[in-house]
Amino acid sequence: MAAQKQPSRQQMLQWVNMVSFAVQEANLYLDTHPKDQAALSYFQEYARLRNQALDDFAAMYGPLTIDTAKRCGKMWEWVNEPWPWQGGEC
């Protein structure tokens, strides 16, 4: 069986952005429609997908948010990544 190709950093960032957008929009909708069970289920599913996407990205490239910095071992490592003005991606 052929090994499945890992998504690129750019592809992973795009996925994080997509699911983050879905979560934010569902959150805004639920602010005005708090009893909509379908919207609540949608929010919960995309929140789960977002958390997984952030964890997957952190495992491969380092944390994007403070929530995913939990993998830091003996030192605070994410400051060693290139900053956006140094050619890093945000």
PDB file of N, CA and C in Angstrom:
ATOM      1  N   MET A   1       0.847  -1.182   0.000  1.00  0.00           N
ATOM      2  CA  MET A   1       0.000   0.000   0.000  1.00  0.00           C
ATOM      3  C   MET A   1       0.891   1.242   0.000  1.00  0.00           C
ATOM      4  N   ALA A   2       0.610   2.193  -0.852  1.00  0.00           N
ATOM      5  CA  ALA A   2       1.405   3.415  -0.955  1.00  0.00           C
ATOM      6  C   ALA A   2       1.133   4.332   0.239  1.00  0.00           C
ATOM      7  N   ALA A   3       2.186   4.973   0.690  1.00  0.00           N
ATOM      8  CA  ALA A   3       2.048   5.902   1.810  1.00  0.00           C
ATOM      9  C   ALA A   3       1.284   7.140   1.354  1.00  0.00           C
ATOM     10  N   GLN A   4       0.402   7.607   2.215  1.00  0.00           N
ATOM     11  CA  GLN A   4      -0.370   8.801   1.886  1.00  0.00           C
ATOM     12  C   GLN A   4       0.510  10.037   2.056  1.00  0.00           C
ATOM     13  N   LYS A   5       0.453  10.945   1.083  1.00  0.00           N
ATOM     14  CA  LYS A   5       1.277  12.145   1.107  1.00  0.00           C
ATOM     15  C   LYS A   5       0.785  13.091   2.206  1.00  0.00           C
ATOM     16  N   GLN A   6       1.728  13.595   2.986  1.00  0.00           N
ATOM     17  CA  GLN A   6       1.396  14.556   4.035  1.00  0.00           C
ATOM     18  C   GLN A   6       1.023  15.896   3.408  1.00  0.00           C
ATOM     19  N   PRO A   7       0.029  16.584   3.955  1.00  0.00           N
ATOM     20  CA  PRO A   7      -0.294  17.916   3.423  1.00  0.00           C
ATOM     21  C   PRO A   7       0.846  18.888   3.719  1.00  0.00           C
ATOM     22  N   SER A   8       1.003  19.859   2.845  1.00  0.00           N
ATOM     23  CA  SER A   8       2.046  20.871   3.043  1.00  0.00           C
ATOM     24  C   SER A   8       1.648  21.817   4.164  1.00  0.00           C
ATOM     25  N   ARG A   9       2.604  22.597   4.614  1.00  0.00           N
ATOM     26  CA  ARG A   9       2.344  23.613   5.642  1.00  0.00           C
ATOM     27  C   ARG A   9       1.245  24.560   5.174  1.00  0.00           C
ATOM     28  N   GLN A  10       1.332  24.992   3.919  1.00  0.00           N
ATOM     29  CA  GLN A  10       0.341  25.912   3.354  1.00  0.00           C
ATOM     30  C   GLN A  10      -1.050  25.273   3.338  1.00  0.00           C
ATOM     31  N   GLN A  11      -1.139  24.012   2.943  1.00  0.00           N
ATOM     32  CA  GLN A  11      -2.423  23.310   2.914  1.00  0.00           C
ATOM     33  C   GLN A  11      -2.998  23.176   4.322  1.00  0.00           C
ATOM     34  N   MET A  12      -2.134  22.876   5.274  1.00  0.00           N
ATOM     35  CA  MET A  12      -2.605  22.752   6.656  1.00  0.00           C
ATOM     36  C   MET A  12      -3.091  24.097   7.191  1.00  0.00           C
ATOM     37  N   LEU A  13      -2.372  25.169   6.885  1.00  0.00           N
ATOM     38  CA  LEU A  13      -2.809  26.502   7.316  1.00  0.00           C
ATOM     39  C   LEU A  13      -4.147  26.867   6.682  1.00  0.00           C
ATOM     40  N   GLN A  14      -4.318  26.510   5.425  1.00  0.00           N
ATOM     41  CA  GLN A  14      -5.587  26.797   4.754  1.00  0.00           C
ATOM     42  C   GLN A  14      -6.730  26.048   5.439  1.00  0.00           C
ATOM     43  N   TRP A  15      -6.503  24.804   5.808  1.00  0.00           N
ATOM     44  CA  TRP A  15      -7.532  24.023   6.494  1.00  0.00           C
ATOM     45  C   TRP A  15      -7.842  24.635   7.870  1.00  0.00           C
ATOM     46  N   VAL A  16      -6.829  25.033   8.605  1.00  0.00           N
ATOM     47  CA  VAL A  16      -7.039  25.687   9.901  1.00  0.00           C
ATOM     48  C   VAL A  16      -7.888  26.943   9.705  1.00  0.00           C
ATOM     49  N   ASN A  17      -7.565  27.732   8.697  1.00  0.00           N
ATOM     50  CA  ASN A  17      -8.332  28.949   8.430  1.00  0.00           C
ATOM     51  C   ASN A  17      -9.780  28.638   8.056  1.00  0.00           C
ATOM     52  N   MET A  18      -9.998  27.612   7.254  1.00  0.00           N
ATOM     53  CA  MET A  18     -11.354  27.259   6.825  1.00  0.00           C
ATOM     54  C   MET A  18     -12.219  26.815   8.008  1.00  0.00           C
ATOM     55  N   VAL A  19     -11.700  25.912   8.819  1.00  0.00           N
ATOM     56  CA  VAL A  19     -12.514  25.433   9.940  1.00  0.00           C
ATOM     57  C   VAL A  19     -12.653  26.511  11.012  1.00  0.00           C
ATOM     58  N   SER A  20     -11.653  27.372  11.158  1.00  0.00           N
ATOM     59  CA  SER A  20     -11.757  28.486  12.112  1.00  0.00           C
ATOM     60  C   SER A  20     -12.848  29.460  11.678  1.00  0.00           C
ATOM     61  N   PHE A  21     -12.929  29.732  10.375  1.00  0.00           N
ATOM     62  CA  PHE A  21     -13.972  30.605   9.849  1.00  0.00           C
ATOM     63  C   PHE A  21     -15.350  30.003  10.118  1.00  0.00           C
ATOM     64  N   ALA A  22     -15.501  28.710   9.859  1.00  0.00           N
ATOM     65  CA  ALA A  22     -16.782  28.038  10.089  1.00  0.00           C
ATOM     66  C   ALA A  22     -17.191  28.122  11.558  1.00  0.00           C
ATOM     67  N   VAL A  23     -16.247  27.929  12.461  1.00  0.00           N
ATOM     68  CA  VAL A  23     -16.537  28.005  13.901  1.00  0.00           C
ATOM     69  C   VAL A  23     -16.963  29.422  14.284  1.00  0.00           C
ATOM     70  N   GLN A  24     -16.244  30.420  13.794  1.00  0.00           N
ATOM     71  CA  GLN A  24     -16.556  31.808  14.127  1.00  0.00           C
ATOM     72  C   GLN A  24     -17.941  32.199  13.613  1.00  0.00           C
ATOM     73  N   GLU A  25     -18.248  31.827  12.379  1.00  0.00           N
ATOM     74  CA  GLU A  25     -19.559  32.158  11.807  1.00  0.00           C
ATOM     75  C   GLU A  25     -20.686  31.445  12.553  1.00  0.00           C
ATOM     76  N   ALA A  26     -20.484  30.185  12.889  1.00  0.00           N
ATOM     77  CA  ALA A  26     -21.501  29.455  13.657  1.00  0.00           C
ATOM     78  C   ALA A  26     -21.682  30.086  15.037  1.00  0.00           C
ATOM     79  N   ASN A  27     -20.589  30.525  15.632  1.00  0.00           N
ATOM     80  CA  ASN A  27     -20.652  31.192  16.928  1.00  0.00           C
ATOM     81  C   ASN A  27     -21.498  32.463  16.843  1.00  0.00           C
ATOM     82  N   LEU A  28     -21.265  33.263  15.812  1.00  0.00           N
ATOM     83  CA  LEU A  28     -22.043  34.488  15.636  1.00  0.00           C
ATOM     84  C   LEU A  28     -23.527  34.179  15.422  1.00  0.00           C
ATOM     85  N   TYR A  29     -23.820  33.170  14.623  1.00  0.00           N
ATOM     86  CA  TYR A  29     -25.201  32.768  14.378  1.00  0.00           C
ATOM     87  C   TYR A  29     -25.864  32.325  15.681  1.00  0.00           C
ATOM     88  N   LEU A  30     -25.157  31.526  16.465  1.00  0.00           N
ATOM     89  CA  LEU A  30     -25.724  31.026  17.722  1.00  0.00           C
ATOM     90  C   LEU A  30     -25.962  32.140  18.734  1.00  0.00           C
ATOM     91  N   ASP A  31     -25.239  33.244  18.605  1.00  0.00           N
ATOM     92  CA  ASP A  31     -25.497  34.383  19.495  1.00  0.00           C
ATOM     93  C   ASP A  31     -26.926  34.897  19.339  1.00  0.00           C
ATOM     94  N   THR A  32     -27.477  34.780  18.139  1.00  0.00           N
ATOM     95  CA  THR A  32     -28.835  35.272  17.883  1.00  0.00           C
ATOM     96  C   THR A  32     -29.865  34.150  17.736  1.00  0.00           C
ATOM     97  N   HIS A  33     -29.402  32.909  17.656  1.00  0.00           N
ATOM     98  CA  HIS A  33     -30.284  31.749  17.510  1.00  0.00           C
ATOM     99  C   HIS A  33     -29.826  30.637  18.470  1.00  0.00           C
ATOM    100  N   PRO A  34     -29.839  30.909  19.773  1.00  0.00           N
ATOM    101  CA  PRO A  34     -29.244  29.967  20.730  1.00  0.00           C
ATOM    102  C   PRO A  34     -29.947  28.616  20.849  1.00  0.00           C
ATOM    103  N   LYS A  35     -31.168  28.489  20.356  1.00  0.00           N
ATOM    104  CA  LYS A  35     -31.898  27.221  20.477  1.00  0.00           C
ATOM    105  C   LYS A  35     -31.842  26.375  19.213  1.00  0.00           C
ATOM    106  N   ASP A  36     -31.095  26.808  18.211  1.00  0.00           N
ATOM    107  CA  ASP A  36     -30.999  26.083  16.944  1.00  0.00           C
ATOM    108  C   ASP A  36     -30.076  24.873  17.132  1.00  0.00           C
ATOM    109  N   GLN A  37     -30.671  23.698  17.290  1.00  0.00           N
ATOM    110  CA  GLN A  37     -29.897  22.490  17.574  1.00  0.00           C
ATOM    111  C   GLN A  37     -29.006  22.076  16.408  1.00  0.00           C
ATOM    112  N   ALA A  38     -29.465  22.291  15.189  1.00  0.00           N
ATOM    113  CA  ALA A  38     -28.638  21.944  14.026  1.00  0.00           C
ATOM    114  C   ALA A  38     -27.399  22.829  13.996  1.00  0.00           C
ATOM    115  N   ALA A  39     -27.569  24.107  14.287  1.00  0.00           N
ATOM    116  CA  ALA A  39     -26.427  25.028  14.303  1.00  0.00           C
ATOM    117  C   ALA A  39     -25.473  24.676  15.442  1.00  0.00           C
ATOM    118  N   LEU A  40     -26.019  24.278  16.570  1.00  0.00           N
ATOM    119  CA  LEU A  40     -25.171  23.891  17.700  1.00  0.00           C
ATOM    120  C   LEU A  40     -24.354  22.650  17.360  1.00  0.00           C
ATOM    121  N   SER A  41     -24.983  21.688  16.699  1.00  0.00           N
ATOM    122  CA  SER A  41     -24.256  20.485  16.274  1.00  0.00           C
ATOM    123  C   SER A  41     -23.165  20.831  15.271  1.00  0.00           C
ATOM    124  N   TYR A  42     -23.495  21.718  14.337  1.00  0.00           N
ATOM    125  CA  TYR A  42     -22.513  22.179  13.343  1.00  0.00           C
ATOM    126  C   TYR A  42     -21.333  22.834  14.042  1.00  0.00           C
ATOM    127  N   PHE A  43     -21.635  23.733  14.990  1.00  0.00           N
ATOM    128  CA  PHE A  43     -20.585  24.412  15.755  1.00  0.00           C
ATOM    129  C   PHE A  43     -19.686  23.406  16.469  1.00  0.00           C
ATOM    130  N   GLN A  44     -20.296  22.446  17.136  1.00  0.00           N
ATOM    131  CA  GLN A  44     -19.525  21.459  17.897  1.00  0.00           C
ATOM    132  C   GLN A  44     -18.632  20.624  16.988  1.00  0.00           C
ATOM    133  N   GLU A  45     -19.154  20.220  15.828  1.00  0.00           N
ATOM    134  CA  GLU A  45     -18.359  19.418  14.891  1.00  0.00           C
ATOM    135  C   GLU A  45     -17.179  20.227  14.344  1.00  0.00           C
ATOM    136  N   TYR A  46     -17.418  21.470  13.954  1.00  0.00           N
ATOM    137  CA  TYR A  46     -16.339  22.265  13.401  1.00  0.00           C
ATOM    138  C   TYR A  46     -15.361  22.737  14.473  1.00  0.00           C
ATOM    139  N   ALA A  47     -15.823  22.896  15.687  1.00  0.00           N
ATOM    140  CA  ALA A  47     -14.905  23.199  16.789  1.00  0.00           C
ATOM    141  C   ALA A  47     -13.969  22.013  17.018  1.00  0.00           C
ATOM    142  N   ARG A  48     -14.520  20.800  16.920  1.00  0.00           N
ATOM    143  CA  ARG A  48     -13.699  19.584  17.051  1.00  0.00           C
ATOM    144  C   ARG A  48     -12.684  19.514  15.911  1.00  0.00           C
ATOM    145  N   LEU A  49     -13.150  19.763  14.686  1.00  0.00           N
ATOM    146  CA  LEU A  49     -12.244  19.742  13.532  1.00  0.00           C
ATOM    147  C   LEU A  49     -11.151  20.797  13.667  1.00  0.00           C
ATOM    148  N   ARG A  50     -11.507  21.979  14.167  1.00  0.00           N
ATOM    149  CA  ARG A  50     -10.527  23.049  14.352  1.00  0.00           C
ATOM    150  C   ARG A  50      -9.463  22.645  15.375  1.00  0.00           C
ATOM    151  N   ASN A  51      -9.911  22.095  16.497  1.00  0.00           N
ATOM    152  CA  ASN A  51      -8.957  21.658  17.524  1.00  0.00           C
ATOM    153  C   ASN A  51      -8.011  20.599  16.972  1.00  0.00           C
ATOM    154  N   GLN A  52      -8.555  19.664  16.185  1.00  0.00           N
ATOM    155  CA  GLN A  52      -7.722  18.623  15.591  1.00  0.00           C
ATOM    156  C   GLN A  52      -6.739  19.223  14.600  1.00  0.00           C
ATOM    157  N   ALA A  53      -7.209  20.177  13.786  1.00  0.00           N
ATOM    158  CA  ALA A  53      -6.333  20.828  12.807  1.00  0.00           C
ATOM    159  C   ALA A  53      -5.201  21.577  13.507  1.00  0.00           C
ATOM    160  N   LEU A  54      -5.516  22.271  14.593  1.00  0.00           N
ATOM    161  CA  LEU A  54      -4.480  22.994  15.346  1.00  0.00           C
ATOM    162  C   LEU A  54      -3.479  22.030  15.969  1.00  0.00           C
ATOM    163  N   ASP A  55      -3.978  20.922  16.512  1.00  0.00           N
ATOM    164  CA  ASP A  55      -3.082  19.913  17.096  1.00  0.00           C
ATOM    165  C   ASP A  55      -2.190  19.273  16.035  1.00  0.00           C
ATOM    166  N   ASP A  56      -2.780  18.954  14.884  1.00  0.00           N
ATOM    167  CA  ASP A  56      -1.997  18.355  13.793  1.00  0.00           C
ATOM    168  C   ASP A  56      -0.917  19.319  13.301  1.00  0.00           C
ATOM    169  N   PHE A  57      -1.285  20.582  13.140  1.00  0.00           N
ATOM    170  CA  PHE A  57      -0.310  21.570  12.683  1.00  0.00           C
ATOM    171  C   PHE A  57       0.817  21.710  13.708  1.00  0.00           C
ATOM    172  N   ALA A  58       0.456  21.789  14.983  1.00  0.00           N
ATOM    173  CA  ALA A  58       1.462  21.939  16.042  1.00  0.00           C
ATOM    174  C   ALA A  58       2.419  20.761  16.070  1.00  0.00           C
ATOM    175  N   ALA A  59       1.902  19.570  15.845  1.00  0.00           N
ATOM    176  CA  ALA A  59       2.756  18.377  15.856  1.00  0.00           C
ATOM    177  C   ALA A  59       3.780  18.409  14.728  1.00  0.00           C
ATOM    178  N   MET A  60       3.397  18.985  13.582  1.00  0.00           N
ATOM    179  CA  MET A  60       4.295  18.989  12.427  1.00  0.00           C
ATOM    180  C   MET A  60       5.160  20.243  12.327  1.00  0.00           C
ATOM    181  N   TYR A  61       4.608  21.396  12.688  1.00  0.00           N
ATOM    182  CA  TYR A  61       5.295  22.662  12.417  1.00  0.00           C
ATOM    183  C   TYR A  61       5.446  23.578  13.635  1.00  0.00           C
ATOM    184  N   GLY A  62       4.889  23.198  14.757  1.00  0.00           N
ATOM    185  CA  GLY A  62       4.923  24.056  15.925  1.00  0.00           C
ATOM    186  C   GLY A  62       3.567  24.716  16.152  1.00  0.00           C
ATOM    187  N   PRO A  63       3.349  25.221  17.339  1.00  0.00           N
ATOM    188  CA  PRO A  63       2.029  25.751  17.687  1.00  0.00           C
ATOM    189  C   PRO A  63       1.685  27.051  16.963  1.00  0.00           C
ATOM    190  N   LEU A  64       0.400  27.188  16.623  1.00  0.00           N
ATOM    191  CA  LEU A  64      -0.128  28.433  16.064  1.00  0.00           C
ATOM    192  C   LEU A  64      -0.771  29.289  17.145  1.00  0.00           C
ATOM    193  N   THR A  65      -1.253  28.642  18.182  1.00  0.00           N
ATOM    194  CA  THR A  65      -1.914  29.340  19.281  1.00  0.00           C
ATOM    195  C   THR A  65      -1.308  28.881  20.600  1.00  0.00           C
ATOM    196  N   ILE A  66      -1.555  29.648  21.629  1.00  0.00           N
ATOM    197  CA  ILE A  66      -1.042  29.293  22.948  1.00  0.00           C
ATOM    198  C   ILE A  66      -1.626  27.962  23.422  1.00  0.00           C
ATOM    199  N   ASP A  67      -2.843  27.646  22.968  1.00  0.00           N
ATOM    200  CA  ASP A  67      -3.488  26.392  23.363  1.00  0.00           C
ATOM    201  C   ASP A  67      -2.712  25.172  22.892  1.00  0.00           C
ATOM    202  N   THR A  68      -2.032  25.293  21.764  1.00  0.00           N
ATOM    203  CA  THR A  68      -1.303  24.150  21.229  1.00  0.00           C
ATOM    204  C   THR A  68       0.182  24.197  21.579  1.00  0.00           C
ATOM    205  N   ALA A  69       0.573  25.103  22.445  1.00  0.00           N
ATOM    206  CA  ALA A  69       1.965  25.181  22.890  1.00  0.00           C
ATOM    207  C   ALA A  69       2.256  24.176  23.992  1.00  0.00           C
ATOM    208  N   LYS A  70       1.280  23.363  24.342  1.00  0.00           N
ATOM    209  CA  LYS A  70       1.445  22.390  25.434  1.00  0.00           C
ATOM    210  C   LYS A  70       2.517  21.354  25.159  1.00  0.00           C
ATOM    211  N   ARG A  71       2.903  21.201  23.897  1.00  0.00           N
ATOM    212  CA  ARG A  71       3.917  20.215  23.553  1.00  0.00           C
ATOM    213  C   ARG A  71       5.344  20.700  23.825  1.00  0.00           C
ATOM    214  N   CYS A  72       5.474  21.941  24.254  1.00  0.00           N
ATOM    215  CA  CYS A  72       6.811  22.476  24.502  1.00  0.00           C
ATOM    216  C   CYS A  72       7.461  21.687  25.627  1.00  0.00           C
ATOM    217  N   GLY A  73       8.641  21.242  25.389  1.00  0.00           N
ATOM    218  CA  GLY A  73       9.345  20.412  26.355  1.00  0.00           C
ATOM    219  C   GLY A  73      10.178  21.222  27.326  1.00  0.00           C
ATOM    220  N   LYS A  74      11.474  21.272  27.104  1.00  0.00           N
ATOM    221  CA  LYS A  74      12.391  21.897  28.048  1.00  0.00           C
ATOM    222  C   LYS A  74      12.563  23.390  27.826  1.00  0.00           C
ATOM    223  N   MET A  75      12.065  23.913  26.697  1.00  0.00           N
ATOM    224  CA  MET A  75      12.196  25.343  26.453  1.00  0.00           C
ATOM    225  C   MET A  75      11.027  25.847  25.634  1.00  0.00           C
ATOM    226  N   TRP A  76      10.846  27.126  25.637  1.00  0.00           N
ATOM    227  CA  TRP A  76       9.778  27.779  24.886  1.00  0.00           C
ATOM    228  C   TRP A  76      10.253  27.913  23.451  1.00  0.00           C
ATOM    229  N   GLU A  77       9.838  26.962  22.585  1.00  0.00           N
ATOM    230  CA  GLU A  77      10.435  26.806  21.271  1.00  0.00           C
ATOM    231  C   GLU A  77       9.837  27.650  20.157  1.00  0.00           C
ATOM    232  N   TRP A  78       8.595  28.076  20.267  1.00  0.00           N
ATOM    233  CA  TRP A  78       8.001  28.701  19.098  1.00  0.00           C
ATOM    234  C   TRP A  78       8.598  30.054  18.759  1.00  0.00           C
ATOM    235  N   VAL A  79       9.358  30.636  19.652  1.00  0.00           N
ATOM    236  CA  VAL A  79      10.040  31.889  19.325  1.00  0.00           C
ATOM    237  C   VAL A  79      11.225  31.653  18.388  1.00  0.00           C
ATOM    238  N   ASN A  80      11.621  30.396  18.218  1.00  0.00           N
ATOM    239  CA  ASN A  80      12.725  30.067  17.329  1.00  0.00           C
ATOM    240  C   ASN A  80      12.287  29.929  15.870  1.00  0.00           C
ATOM    241  N   GLU A  81      10.985  29.876  15.622  1.00  0.00           N
ATOM    242  CA  GLU A  81      10.469  29.797  14.255  1.00  0.00           C
ATOM    243  C   GLU A  81      10.659  31.147  13.566  1.00  0.00           C
ATOM    244  N   PRO A  82      10.795  31.160  12.243  1.00  0.00           N
ATOM    245  CA  PRO A  82      10.907  32.449  11.546  1.00  0.00           C
ATOM    246  C   PRO A  82       9.617  33.266  11.710  1.00  0.00           C
ATOM    247  N   TRP A  83       9.762  34.524  12.018  1.00  0.00           N
ATOM    248  CA  TRP A  83       8.630  35.429  12.134  1.00  0.00           C
ATOM    249  C   TRP A  83       8.166  35.810  10.736  1.00  0.00           C
ATOM    250  N   PRO A  84       6.921  36.274  10.583  1.00  0.00           N
ATOM    251  CA  PRO A  84       6.424  36.607   9.225  1.00  0.00           C
ATOM    252  C   PRO A  84       7.350  37.523   8.446  1.00  0.00           C
ATOM    253  N   TRP A  85       7.953  38.512   9.099  1.00  0.00           N
ATOM    254  CA  TRP A  85       8.849  39.437   8.391  1.00  0.00           C
ATOM    255  C   TRP A  85      10.212  38.811   8.093  1.00  0.00           C
ATOM    256  N   GLN A  86      10.450  37.610   8.615  1.00  0.00           N
ATOM    257  CA  GLN A  86      11.672  36.882   8.328  1.00  0.00           C
ATOM    258  C   GLN A  86      11.440  35.752   7.323  1.00  0.00           C
ATOM    259  N   GLY A  87      10.285  35.758   6.704  1.00  0.00           N
ATOM    260  CA  GLY A  87       9.957  34.722   5.724  1.00  0.00           C
ATOM    261  C   GLY A  87       9.097  33.606   6.262  1.00  0.00           C
ATOM    262  N   GLY A  88       8.746  33.655   7.540  1.00  0.00           N
ATOM    263  CA  GLY A  88       7.843  32.658   8.101  1.00  0.00           C
ATOM    264  C   GLY A  88       6.414  32.945   7.659  1.00  0.00           C
ATOM    265  N   GLU A  89       5.575  31.966   7.831  1.00  0.00           N
ATOM    266  CA  GLU A  89       4.173  32.135   7.438  1.00  0.00           C
ATOM    267  C   GLU A  89       3.322  32.286   8.681  1.00  0.00           C
ATOM    268  N   CYS A  90       2.256  33.061   8.536  1.00  0.00           N
ATOM    269  CA  CYS A  90       1.313  33.171   9.651  1.00  0.00           C
ATOM    270  C   CYS A  90      -0.044  32.735   9.219  1.00  0.00           C
TER     271      CYS A  90
END
